[in-house]
Amino acid sequence: MNRGGPYNDIVRDHFERPRNQRRLEGDVLVGDAHNPVCGDRLRLYRRVDGGRVGEVSFQAQGCPAAIAAGSMVTELLRGRTLTEARAVRDEDVAAALGGLPPGKIHCSVLAEDAIHAALGASA
């Protein structure tokens, strides 16, 4: 029996010790994403510093994969230009997490939706 369930070590680590899980205060832009089918929610906060994503954080409600995806997306976005950040896709989030079970890919899609909500879809 797999003691970690369907998740690999990277996903478990980001779920058990999420990075940047907090609300940013002050002058921030916020992007919300929601999956009405499973109920997962992800809120992404970000600041821009010199044309790059500076401080970035998240809050999430949902399964371990949703929380891990929120944690990982903050790591992927920090320091990127806005154009580079907008180019991050759900496949990038899933790959950075070492893969997600087929029934949990929607969690990486949730992360991409939150990126677009927080950054805007245009380059």
Protein backbone atom coordinates (compact mmCIF):
# COMPACT_ATOMS: atom_id res chain seq x y z
CA MET A 1 0.00 0.00 0.00
CA ASN A 2 1.26 3.47 -0.89
CA ARG A 3 1.32 5.42 2.39
CA GLY A 4 1.32 8.73 0.49
CA GLY A 5 -1.81 7.87 -1.43
CA PRO A 6 -1.91 8.91 -5.07
CA TYR A 7 0.55 11.78 -4.60
CA ASN A 8 4.30 11.87 -5.15
CA ASP A 9 6.81 13.33 -2.68
CA ILE A 10 6.81 16.80 -4.29
CA VAL A 11 3.03 17.15 -4.12
CA ARG A 12 2.98 15.90 -0.53
CA ASP A 13 5.75 18.31 0.44
CA HIS A 14 3.93 21.33 -1.05
CA PHE A 15 0.70 20.21 0.60
CA GLU A 16 2.22 19.59 4.02
CA ARG A 17 4.53 22.63 3.91
CA PRO A 18 2.96 25.08 1.46
CA ARG A 19 5.15 27.96 0.37
CA ASN A 20 3.79 31.50 0.49
CA GLN A 21 0.38 30.54 1.87
CA ARG A 22 -0.93 33.80 3.22
CA ARG A 23 -2.85 36.89 2.30
CA LEU A 24 -0.78 39.80 1.03
CA GLU A 25 -1.87 43.17 2.34
CA GLY A 26 -1.55 46.57 0.74
CA ASP A 27 -1.17 47.35 -2.94
CA VAL A 28 -1.65 43.93 -4.52
CA LEU A 29 -3.59 42.45 -7.39
CA VAL A 30 -5.72 39.43 -6.64
CA GLY A 31 -6.90 36.66 -8.93
CA ASP A 32 -9.56 34.15 -7.97
CA ALA A 33 -10.23 30.80 -9.57
CA HIS A 34 -12.89 28.27 -8.68
CA ASN A 35 -13.78 24.80 -9.90
CA PRO A 36 -17.54 24.46 -9.45
CA VAL A 37 -17.44 20.70 -10.01
CA CYS A 38 -15.16 19.80 -7.07
CA GLY A 39 -15.38 23.03 -5.08
CA ASP A 40 -11.64 23.83 -5.08
CA ARG A 41 -10.81 27.53 -4.78
CA LEU A 42 -7.53 29.33 -5.30
CA ARG A 43 -6.77 33.00 -4.65
CA LEU A 44 -3.46 34.34 -5.93
CA TYR A 45 -1.96 37.63 -4.69
CA ARG A 46 0.87 39.40 -6.43
CA ARG A 47 2.93 42.57 -6.44
CA VAL A 48 4.93 43.87 -9.37
CA ASP A 49 8.45 45.13 -8.78
CA GLY A 50 10.29 46.64 -11.75
CA GLY A 51 8.13 44.88 -14.32
CA ARG A 52 8.55 41.49 -12.65
CA VAL A 53 6.42 39.49 -10.30
CA GLY A 54 7.74 40.37 -6.88
CA GLU A 55 6.00 39.08 -3.82
CA VAL A 56 3.40 36.42 -4.59
CA SER A 57 1.25 34.33 -2.29
CA PHE A 58 -1.91 32.24 -2.28
CA GLN A 59 -4.83 31.00 -0.27
CA ALA A 60 -6.61 27.79 -1.22
CA GLN A 61 -9.49 25.61 -0.19
CA GLY A 62 -9.57 22.12 -1.56
CA CYS A 63 -7.77 18.85 -1.89
CA PRO A 64 -4.03 18.30 -1.35
CA ALA A 65 -3.34 18.70 -5.07
CA ALA A 66 -5.07 22.10 -5.17
CA ILE A 67 -3.06 23.36 -2.21
CA ALA A 68 0.17 21.97 -3.69
CA ALA A 69 -0.59 23.61 -7.04
CA GLY A 70 -1.15 26.97 -5.30
CA SER A 71 2.13 26.60 -3.46
CA MET A 72 4.05 25.61 -6.59
CA VAL A 73 2.62 28.37 -8.74
CA THR A 74 3.94 30.99 -6.33
CA GLU A 75 7.41 29.48 -6.71
CA LEU A 76 7.10 29.42 -10.49
CA LEU A 77 5.94 33.05 -10.80
CA ARG A 78 8.31 34.90 -8.51
CA GLY A 79 10.89 36.92 -10.43
CA ARG A 80 9.39 36.38 -13.87
CA THR A 81 8.44 39.24 -16.15
CA LEU A 82 4.70 39.67 -16.53
CA THR A 83 4.91 38.23 -20.04
CA GLU A 84 6.83 35.18 -18.77
CA ALA A 85 4.40 34.74 -15.89
CA ARG A 86 1.40 34.84 -18.23
CA ALA A 87 3.02 32.05 -20.26
CA VAL A 88 2.99 29.61 -17.32
CA ARG A 89 0.47 26.88 -18.14
CA ASP A 90 -1.21 24.13 -16.20
CA GLU A 91 1.22 21.64 -17.74
CA ASP A 92 4.13 23.61 -16.26
CA VAL A 93 2.58 23.51 -12.79
CA ALA A 94 1.87 19.77 -13.05
CA ALA A 95 5.41 19.08 -14.33
CA ALA A 96 6.98 21.14 -11.54
CA LEU A 97 4.97 19.05 -9.07
CA GLY A 98 6.39 15.88 -10.59
CA GLY A 99 3.03 15.02 -12.14
CA LEU A 100 -0.49 14.77 -10.83
CA PRO A 101 -2.85 11.79 -10.86
CA PRO A 102 -5.19 11.93 -13.90
CA GLY A 103 -8.17 12.80 -11.71
CA LYS A 104 -6.31 15.78 -10.22
CA ILE A 105 -5.10 17.58 -13.35
CA HIS A 106 -7.92 20.06 -12.82
CA CYS A 107 -5.89 21.41 -9.88
CA SER A 108 -3.10 22.59 -12.17
CA VAL A 109 -5.77 24.10 -14.45
CA LEU A 110 -7.10 25.96 -11.41
CA ALA A 111 -3.61 27.38 -10.86
CA GLU A 112 -3.41 28.58 -14.48
CA ASP A 113 -6.85 30.17 -14.17
CA ALA A 114 -5.69 32.02 -11.05
CA ILE A 115 -2.58 33.26 -12.91
CA HIS A 116 -4.75 34.72 -15.67
CA ALA A 117 -7.09 36.28 -13.12
CA ALA A 118 -4.20 37.87 -11.21
CA LEU A 119 -2.11 38.95 -14.21
CA GLY A 120 -4.60 39.37 -17.02
CA ALA A 121 -4.56 37.23 -20.13
CA SER A 122 -2.91 39.69 -22.53
CA ALA A 123 0.84 40.06 -22.78
